[in-house]
Amino acid sequence: MLERRKHTRRQIFKFGMLEYRCLAKLGVVKNISPAGAMVAVENSVGIPDDLNLNVEANLHTGPCHVVWKNAKEIGVRFV
């Protein structure tokens, strides 16, 4: 498989809060880089393409865009 990422992601296991509209959903950030992250969620249905991600320990706080999703995970790009 061809690796297209510009930045190497590092494996972590930190809680992250996905905030969108007037809602918030808890997830687990499994890996992160300066450009984006992968977040495990209970269910990705209804998560919009644009949201805020706040990761514990201030690893990232701010807007991001969903670039892929499956039933239990989403990949986001920081904007």
PDB file of N, CA and C in Angstrom:
ATOM      1  N   MET A   1       0.842  -1.174   0.000  1.00  0.00           N
ATOM      2  CA  MET A   1       0.000   0.000   0.000  1.00  0.00           C
ATOM      3  C   MET A   1       0.893   1.245   0.000  1.00  0.00           C
ATOM      4  N   LEU A   2       0.560   2.187  -0.816  1.00  0.00           N
ATOM      5  CA  LEU A   2       1.316   3.421  -0.945  1.00  0.00           C
ATOM      6  C   LEU A   2       0.975   4.382   0.188  1.00  0.00           C
ATOM      7  N   GLU A   3       1.983   4.820   0.912  1.00  0.00           N
ATOM      8  CA  GLU A   3       1.801   5.781   1.997  1.00  0.00           C
ATOM      9  C   GLU A   3       1.766   7.185   1.422  1.00  0.00           C
ATOM     10  N   ARG A   4       0.668   7.923   1.629  1.00  0.00           N
ATOM     11  CA  ARG A   4       0.513   9.264   1.063  1.00  0.00           C
ATOM     12  C   ARG A   4       0.643  10.370   2.100  1.00  0.00           C
ATOM     13  N   ARG A   5       0.823  10.019   3.342  1.00  0.00           N
ATOM     14  CA  ARG A   5       0.927  11.045   4.380  1.00  0.00           C
ATOM     15  C   ARG A   5       2.251  11.794   4.267  1.00  0.00           C
ATOM     16  N   LYS A   6       2.190  13.100   4.497  1.00  0.00           N
ATOM     17  CA  LYS A   6       3.392  13.931   4.487  1.00  0.00           C
ATOM     18  C   LYS A   6       4.102  13.890   5.829  1.00  0.00           C
ATOM     19  N   HIS A   7       3.355  13.613   6.905  1.00  0.00           N
ATOM     20  CA  HIS A   7       3.903  13.598   8.260  1.00  0.00           C
ATOM     21  C   HIS A   7       3.710  12.211   8.864  1.00  0.00           C
ATOM     22  N   THR A   8       4.698  11.738   9.573  1.00  0.00           N
ATOM     23  CA  THR A   8       4.583  10.471  10.270  1.00  0.00           C
ATOM     24  C   THR A   8       3.653  10.635  11.463  1.00  0.00           C
ATOM     25  N   ARG A   9       2.749   9.705  11.604  1.00  0.00           N
ATOM     26  CA  ARG A   9       1.838   9.749  12.750  1.00  0.00           C
ATOM     27  C   ARG A   9       2.428   8.941  13.887  1.00  0.00           C
ATOM     28  N   ARG A  10       2.213   9.430  15.100  1.00  0.00           N
ATOM     29  CA  ARG A  10       2.681   8.677  16.254  1.00  0.00           C
ATOM     30  C   ARG A  10       1.493   8.068  16.979  1.00  0.00           C
ATOM     31  N   GLN A  11       1.686   6.853  17.440  1.00  0.00           N
ATOM     32  CA  GLN A  11       0.629   6.138  18.138  1.00  0.00           C
ATOM     33  C   GLN A  11       0.427   6.748  19.523  1.00  0.00           C
ATOM     34  N   ILE A  12      -0.830   7.013  19.865  1.00  0.00           N
ATOM     35  CA  ILE A  12      -1.175   7.496  21.193  1.00  0.00           C
ATOM     36  C   ILE A  12      -2.482   6.839  21.606  1.00  0.00           C
ATOM     37  N   PHE A  13      -2.894   7.068  22.814  1.00  0.00           N
ATOM     38  CA  PHE A  13      -4.188   6.591  23.300  1.00  0.00           C
ATOM     39  C   PHE A  13      -4.708   7.656  24.253  1.00  0.00           C
ATOM     40  N   LYS A  14      -5.297   8.706  23.671  1.00  0.00           N
ATOM     41  CA  LYS A  14      -5.788   9.849  24.448  1.00  0.00           C
ATOM     42  C   LYS A  14      -7.255  10.087  24.108  1.00  0.00           C
ATOM     43  N   PHE A  15      -8.001  10.536  25.102  1.00  0.00           N
ATOM     44  CA  PHE A  15      -9.391  10.890  24.856  1.00  0.00           C
ATOM     45  C   PHE A  15      -9.459  12.178  24.048  1.00  0.00           C
ATOM     46  N   GLY A  16     -10.434  12.231  23.153  1.00  0.00           N
ATOM     47  CA  GLY A  16     -10.679  13.428  22.366  1.00  0.00           C
ATOM     48  C   GLY A  16     -12.167  13.708  22.307  1.00  0.00           C
ATOM     49  N   MET A  17     -12.521  14.984  22.354  1.00  0.00           N
ATOM     50  CA  MET A  17     -13.922  15.378  22.283  1.00  0.00           C
ATOM     51  C   MET A  17     -14.190  15.938  20.894  1.00  0.00           C
ATOM     52  N   LEU A  18     -15.099  15.310  20.165  1.00  0.00           N
ATOM     53  CA  LEU A  18     -15.539  15.790  18.857  1.00  0.00           C
ATOM     54  C   LEU A  18     -16.730  16.708  19.098  1.00  0.00           C
ATOM     55  N   GLU A  19     -16.607  17.972  18.725  1.00  0.00           N
ATOM     56  CA  GLU A  19     -17.669  18.945  18.960  1.00  0.00           C
ATOM     57  C   GLU A  19     -18.193  19.468  17.627  1.00  0.00           C
ATOM     58  N   TYR A  20     -19.496  19.414  17.474  1.00  0.00           N
ATOM     59  CA  TYR A  20     -20.134  19.890  16.255  1.00  0.00           C
ATOM     60  C   TYR A  20     -21.573  20.275  16.577  1.00  0.00           C
ATOM     61  N   ARG A  21     -22.034  21.298  15.847  1.00  0.00           N
ATOM     62  CA  ARG A  21     -23.342  21.885  16.142  1.00  0.00           C
ATOM     63  C   ARG A  21     -23.414  22.170  17.635  1.00  0.00           C
ATOM     64  N   CYS A  22     -24.412  21.666  18.317  1.00  0.00           N
ATOM     65  CA  CYS A  22     -24.518  21.834  19.772  1.00  0.00           C
ATOM     66  C   CYS A  22     -24.251  20.514  20.487  1.00  0.00           C
ATOM     67  N   LEU A  23     -23.550  19.607  19.821  1.00  0.00           N
ATOM     68  CA  LEU A  23     -23.324  18.269  20.349  1.00  0.00           C
ATOM     69  C   LEU A  23     -21.851  18.011  20.601  1.00  0.00           C
ATOM     70  N   ALA A  24     -21.570  17.000  21.393  1.00  0.00           N
ATOM     71  CA  ALA A  24     -20.200  16.554  21.631  1.00  0.00           C
ATOM     72  C   ALA A  24     -20.207  15.032  21.719  1.00  0.00           C
ATOM     73  N   LYS A  25     -19.169  14.426  21.170  1.00  0.00           N
ATOM     74  CA  LYS A  25     -19.041  12.975  21.187  1.00  0.00           C
ATOM     75  C   LYS A  25     -17.627  12.646  21.624  1.00  0.00           C
ATOM     76  N   LEU A  26     -17.510  11.710  22.563  1.00  0.00           N
ATOM     77  CA  LEU A  26     -16.209  11.289  23.060  1.00  0.00           C
ATOM     78  C   LEU A  26     -15.615  10.233  22.145  1.00  0.00           C
ATOM     79  N   GLY A  27     -14.327  10.344  21.875  1.00  0.00           N
ATOM     80  CA  GLY A  27     -13.618   9.362  21.081  1.00  0.00           C
ATOM     81  C   GLY A  27     -12.237   9.124  21.672  1.00  0.00           C
ATOM     82  N   VAL A  28     -11.518   8.170  21.090  1.00  0.00           N
ATOM     83  CA  VAL A  28     -10.151   7.878  21.492  1.00  0.00           C
ATOM     84  C   VAL A  28      -9.251   8.150  20.304  1.00  0.00           C
ATOM     85  N   VAL A  29      -8.310   9.072  20.478  1.00  0.00           N
ATOM     86  CA  VAL A  29      -7.346   9.388  19.421  1.00  0.00           C
ATOM     87  C   VAL A  29      -6.286   8.295  19.442  1.00  0.00           C
ATOM     88  N   LYS A  30      -6.179   7.566  18.331  1.00  0.00           N
ATOM     89  CA  LYS A  30      -5.252   6.434  18.265  1.00  0.00           C
ATOM     90  C   LYS A  30      -3.912   6.813  17.667  1.00  0.00           C
ATOM     91  N   ASN A  31      -3.909   7.774  16.749  1.00  0.00           N
ATOM     92  CA  ASN A  31      -2.645   8.290  16.241  1.00  0.00           C
ATOM     93  C   ASN A  31      -2.833   9.742  15.832  1.00  0.00           C
ATOM     94  N   ILE A  32      -1.711  10.475  15.802  1.00  0.00           N
ATOM     95  CA  ILE A  32      -1.775  11.910  15.550  1.00  0.00           C
ATOM     96  C   ILE A  32      -0.485  12.371  14.892  1.00  0.00           C
ATOM     97  N   SER A  33      -0.599  13.410  14.072  1.00  0.00           N
ATOM     98  CA  SER A  33       0.554  14.069  13.454  1.00  0.00           C
ATOM     99  C   SER A  33       0.240  15.557  13.417  1.00  0.00           C
ATOM    100  N   PRO A  34       1.182  16.384  12.968  1.00  0.00           N
ATOM    101  CA  PRO A  34       0.869  17.808  12.839  1.00  0.00           C
ATOM    102  C   PRO A  34      -0.262  18.086  11.841  1.00  0.00           C
ATOM    103  N   ALA A  35      -0.550  17.137  10.952  1.00  0.00           N
ATOM    104  CA  ALA A  35      -1.544  17.360   9.915  1.00  0.00           C
ATOM    105  C   ALA A  35      -2.906  16.747  10.196  1.00  0.00           C
ATOM    106  N   GLY A  36      -2.981  15.728  11.068  1.00  0.00           N
ATOM    107  CA  GLY A  36      -4.257  15.072  11.272  1.00  0.00           C
ATOM    108  C   GLY A  36      -4.202  13.990  12.320  1.00  0.00           C
ATOM    109  N   ALA A  37      -5.309  13.233  12.424  1.00  0.00           N
ATOM    110  CA  ALA A  37      -5.412  12.196  13.447  1.00  0.00           C
ATOM    111  C   ALA A  37      -6.434  11.145  13.042  1.00  0.00           C
ATOM    112  N   MET A  38      -6.354   9.988  13.711  1.00  0.00           N
ATOM    113  CA  MET A  38      -7.373   8.957  13.579  1.00  0.00           C
ATOM    114  C   MET A  38      -8.054   8.829  14.937  1.00  0.00           C
ATOM    115  N   VAL A  39      -9.388   8.859  14.919  1.00  0.00           N
ATOM    116  CA  VAL A  39     -10.163   8.835  16.159  1.00  0.00           C
ATOM    117  C   VAL A  39     -11.133   7.660  16.117  1.00  0.00           C
ATOM    118  N   ALA A  40     -11.079   6.819  17.145  1.00  0.00           N
ATOM    119  CA  ALA A  40     -12.038   5.724  17.280  1.00  0.00           C
ATOM    120  C   ALA A  40     -13.265   6.262  18.009  1.00  0.00           C
ATOM    121  N   VAL A  41     -14.439   5.942  17.480  1.00  0.00           N
ATOM    122  CA  VAL A  41     -15.704   6.382  18.065  1.00  0.00           C
ATOM    123  C   VAL A  41     -16.640   5.188  18.196  1.00  0.00           C
ATOM    124  N   GLU A  42     -17.649   5.332  19.025  1.00  0.00           N
ATOM    125  CA  GLU A  42     -18.614   4.242  19.183  1.00  0.00           C
ATOM    126  C   GLU A  42     -19.396   4.024  17.895  1.00  0.00           C
ATOM    127  N   ASN A  43     -19.755   5.136  17.223  1.00  0.00           N
ATOM    128  CA  ASN A  43     -20.519   5.064  15.982  1.00  0.00           C
ATOM    129  C   ASN A  43     -20.271   6.353  15.201  1.00  0.00           C
ATOM    130  N   SER A  44     -19.828   6.248  13.972  1.00  0.00           N
ATOM    131  CA  SER A  44     -19.507   7.449  13.191  1.00  0.00           C
ATOM    132  C   SER A  44     -20.707   8.040  12.458  1.00  0.00           C
ATOM    133  N   VAL A  45     -21.853   7.390  12.526  1.00  0.00           N
ATOM    134  CA  VAL A  45     -23.050   7.891  11.851  1.00  0.00           C
ATOM    135  C   VAL A  45     -23.432   9.246  12.444  1.00  0.00           C
ATOM    136  N   GLY A  46     -23.659  10.211  11.587  1.00  0.00           N
ATOM    137  CA  GLY A  46     -24.096  11.528  12.018  1.00  0.00           C
ATOM    138  C   GLY A  46     -22.980  12.509  12.306  1.00  0.00           C
ATOM    139  N   ILE A  47     -21.736  12.050  12.267  1.00  0.00           N
ATOM    140  CA  ILE A  47     -20.623  12.979  12.474  1.00  0.00           C
ATOM    141  C   ILE A  47     -20.434  13.767  11.185  1.00  0.00           C
ATOM    142  N   PRO A  48     -20.498  15.091  11.241  1.00  0.00           N
ATOM    143  CA  PRO A  48     -20.384  15.901  10.019  1.00  0.00           C
ATOM    144  C   PRO A  48     -18.929  16.000   9.547  1.00  0.00           C
ATOM    145  N   ASP A  49     -18.755  16.549   8.357  1.00  0.00           N
ATOM    146  CA  ASP A  49     -17.423  16.672   7.774  1.00  0.00           C
ATOM    147  C   ASP A  49     -16.557  17.732   8.446  1.00  0.00           C
ATOM    148  N   ASP A  50     -17.155  18.724   9.047  1.00  0.00           N
ATOM    149  CA  ASP A  50     -16.395  19.785   9.702  1.00  0.00           C
ATOM    150  C   ASP A  50     -16.765  19.841  11.179  1.00  0.00           C
ATOM    151  N   LEU A  51     -15.754  19.809  12.047  1.00  0.00           N
ATOM    152  CA  LEU A  51     -15.980  19.778  13.481  1.00  0.00           C
ATOM    153  C   LEU A  51     -14.742  20.289  14.207  1.00  0.00           C
ATOM    154  N   ASN A  52     -14.837  20.371  15.519  1.00  0.00           N
ATOM    155  CA  ASN A  52     -13.694  20.704  16.366  1.00  0.00           C
ATOM    156  C   ASN A  52     -13.273  19.452  17.113  1.00  0.00           C
ATOM    157  N   LEU A  53     -11.964  19.260  17.223  1.00  0.00           N
ATOM    158  CA  LEU A  53     -11.415  18.143  17.982  1.00  0.00           C
ATOM    159  C   LEU A  53     -10.568  18.709  19.109  1.00  0.00           C
ATOM    160  N   ASN A  54     -10.889  18.315  20.316  1.00  0.00           N
ATOM    161  CA  ASN A  54     -10.119  18.719  21.491  1.00  0.00           C
ATOM    162  C   ASN A  54      -9.539  17.454  22.119  1.00  0.00           C
ATOM    163  N   VAL A  55      -8.214  17.333  22.056  1.00  0.00           N
ATOM    164  CA  VAL A  55      -7.527  16.151  22.561  1.00  0.00           C
ATOM    165  C   VAL A  55      -6.944  16.465  23.931  1.00  0.00           C
ATOM    166  N   GLU A  56      -7.106  15.528  24.870  1.00  0.00           N
ATOM    167  CA  GLU A  56      -6.582  15.739  26.218  1.00  0.00           C
ATOM    168  C   GLU A  56      -5.078  15.999  26.172  1.00  0.00           C
ATOM    169  N   ALA A  57      -4.575  16.623  27.193  1.00  0.00           N
ATOM    170  CA  ALA A  57      -3.159  17.015  27.310  1.00  0.00           C
ATOM    171  C   ALA A  57      -2.783  18.063  26.268  1.00  0.00           C
ATOM    172  N   ASN A  58      -3.803  18.756  25.707  1.00  0.00           N
ATOM    173  CA  ASN A  58      -3.579  19.838  24.730  1.00  0.00           C
ATOM    174  C   ASN A  58      -2.732  19.422  23.541  1.00  0.00           C
ATOM    175  N   LEU A  59      -2.875  18.167  23.094  1.00  0.00           N
ATOM    176  CA  LEU A  59      -2.171  17.734  21.893  1.00  0.00           C
ATOM    177  C   LEU A  59      -2.725  18.420  20.652  1.00  0.00           C
ATOM    178  N   HIS A  60      -4.011  18.689  20.653  1.00  0.00           N
ATOM    179  CA  HIS A  60      -4.635  19.466  19.573  1.00  0.00           C
ATOM    180  C   HIS A  60      -5.958  19.999  20.080  1.00  0.00           C
ATOM    181  N   THR A  61      -6.246  21.225  19.758  1.00  0.00           N
ATOM    182  CA  THR A  61      -7.547  21.825  20.023  1.00  0.00           C
ATOM    183  C   THR A  61      -7.874  22.722  18.850  1.00  0.00           C
ATOM    184  N   GLY A  62      -8.959  22.407  18.155  1.00  0.00           N
ATOM    185  CA  GLY A  62      -9.348  23.277  17.066  1.00  0.00           C
ATOM    186  C   GLY A  62     -10.089  22.568  15.956  1.00  0.00           C
ATOM    187  N   PRO A  63     -10.311  23.300  14.864  1.00  0.00           N
ATOM    188  CA  PRO A  63     -11.121  22.779  13.769  1.00  0.00           C
ATOM    189  C   PRO A  63     -10.401  21.700  12.971  1.00  0.00           C
ATOM    190  N   CYS A  64     -11.192  20.807  12.413  1.00  0.00           N
ATOM    191  CA  CYS A  64     -10.661  19.774  11.528  1.00  0.00           C
ATOM    192  C   CYS A  64     -11.740  19.374  10.529  1.00  0.00           C
ATOM    193  N   HIS A  65     -11.307  18.649   9.510  1.00  0.00           N
ATOM    194  CA  HIS A  65     -12.185  18.192   8.432  1.00  0.00           C
ATOM    195  C   HIS A  65     -12.045  16.678   8.320  1.00  0.00           C
ATOM    196  N   VAL A  66     -13.166  15.974   8.271  1.00  0.00           N
ATOM    197  CA  VAL A  66     -13.147  14.515   8.134  1.00  0.00           C
ATOM    198  C   VAL A  66     -12.766  14.169   6.699  1.00  0.00           C
ATOM    199  N   VAL A  67     -11.716  13.350   6.537  1.00  0.00           N
ATOM    200  CA  VAL A  67     -11.279  12.943   5.202  1.00  0.00           C
ATOM    201  C   VAL A  67     -11.668  11.507   4.886  1.00  0.00           C
ATOM    202  N   TRP A  68     -11.934  10.718   5.901  1.00  0.00           N
ATOM    203  CA  TRP A  68     -12.465   9.371   5.705  1.00  0.00           C
ATOM    204  C   TRP A  68     -13.176   8.926   6.978  1.00  0.00           C
ATOM    205  N   LYS A  69     -14.059   7.967   6.832  1.00  0.00           N
ATOM    206  CA  LYS A  69     -14.722   7.383   8.000  1.00  0.00           C
ATOM    207  C   LYS A  69     -15.201   5.988   7.674  1.00  0.00           C
ATOM    208  N   ASN A  70     -15.240   5.154   8.699  1.00  0.00           N
ATOM    209  CA  ASN A  70     -15.910   3.863   8.614  1.00  0.00           C
ATOM    210  C   ASN A  70     -16.818   3.771   9.835  1.00  0.00           C
ATOM    211  N   ALA A  71     -17.343   2.609  10.132  1.00  0.00           N
ATOM    212  CA  ALA A  71     -18.344   2.498  11.199  1.00  0.00           C
ATOM    213  C   ALA A  71     -17.829   2.920  12.569  1.00  0.00           C
ATOM    214  N   LYS A  72     -16.554   2.683  12.864  1.00  0.00           N
ATOM    215  CA  LYS A  72     -16.038   2.918  14.211  1.00  0.00           C
ATOM    216  C   LYS A  72     -14.842   3.857  14.280  1.00  0.00           C
ATOM    217  N   GLU A  73     -14.386   4.418  13.162  1.00  0.00           N
ATOM    218  CA  GLU A  73     -13.213   5.296  13.150  1.00  0.00           C
ATOM    219  C   GLU A  73     -13.407   6.419  12.149  1.00  0.00           C
ATOM    220  N   ILE A  74     -12.743   7.546  12.414  1.00  0.00           N
ATOM    221  CA  ILE A  74     -12.698   8.642  11.442  1.00  0.00           C
ATOM    222  C   ILE A  74     -11.273   9.131  11.338  1.00  0.00           C
ATOM    223  N   GLY A  75     -10.930   9.608  10.160  1.00  0.00           N
ATOM    224  CA  GLY A  75      -9.649  10.236   9.931  1.00  0.00           C
ATOM    225  C   GLY A  75      -9.897  11.718   9.674  1.00  0.00           C
ATOM    226  N   VAL A  76      -9.155  12.578  10.380  1.00  0.00           N
ATOM    227  CA  VAL A  76      -9.366  14.019  10.239  1.00  0.00           C
ATOM    228  C   VAL A  76      -8.084  14.710   9.836  1.00  0.00           C
ATOM    229  N   ARG A  77      -8.266  15.810   9.103  1.00  0.00           N
ATOM    230  CA  ARG A  77      -7.168  16.713   8.728  1.00  0.00           C
ATOM    231  C   ARG A  77      -7.391  17.995   9.491  1.00  0.00           C
ATOM    232  N   PHE A  78      -6.332  18.482  10.146  1.00  0.00           N
ATOM    233  CA  PHE A  78      -6.439  19.729  10.890  1.00  0.00           C
ATOM    234  C   PHE A  78      -6.441  20.913   9.933  1.00  0.00           C
ATOM    235  N   VAL A  79      -7.312  21.897  10.212  1.00  0.00           N
ATOM    236  CA  VAL A  79      -7.381  23.096   9.366  1.00  0.00           C
ATOM    237  C   VAL A  79      -7.076  24.330  10.193  1.00  0.00           C
TER     238      VAL A  79
END
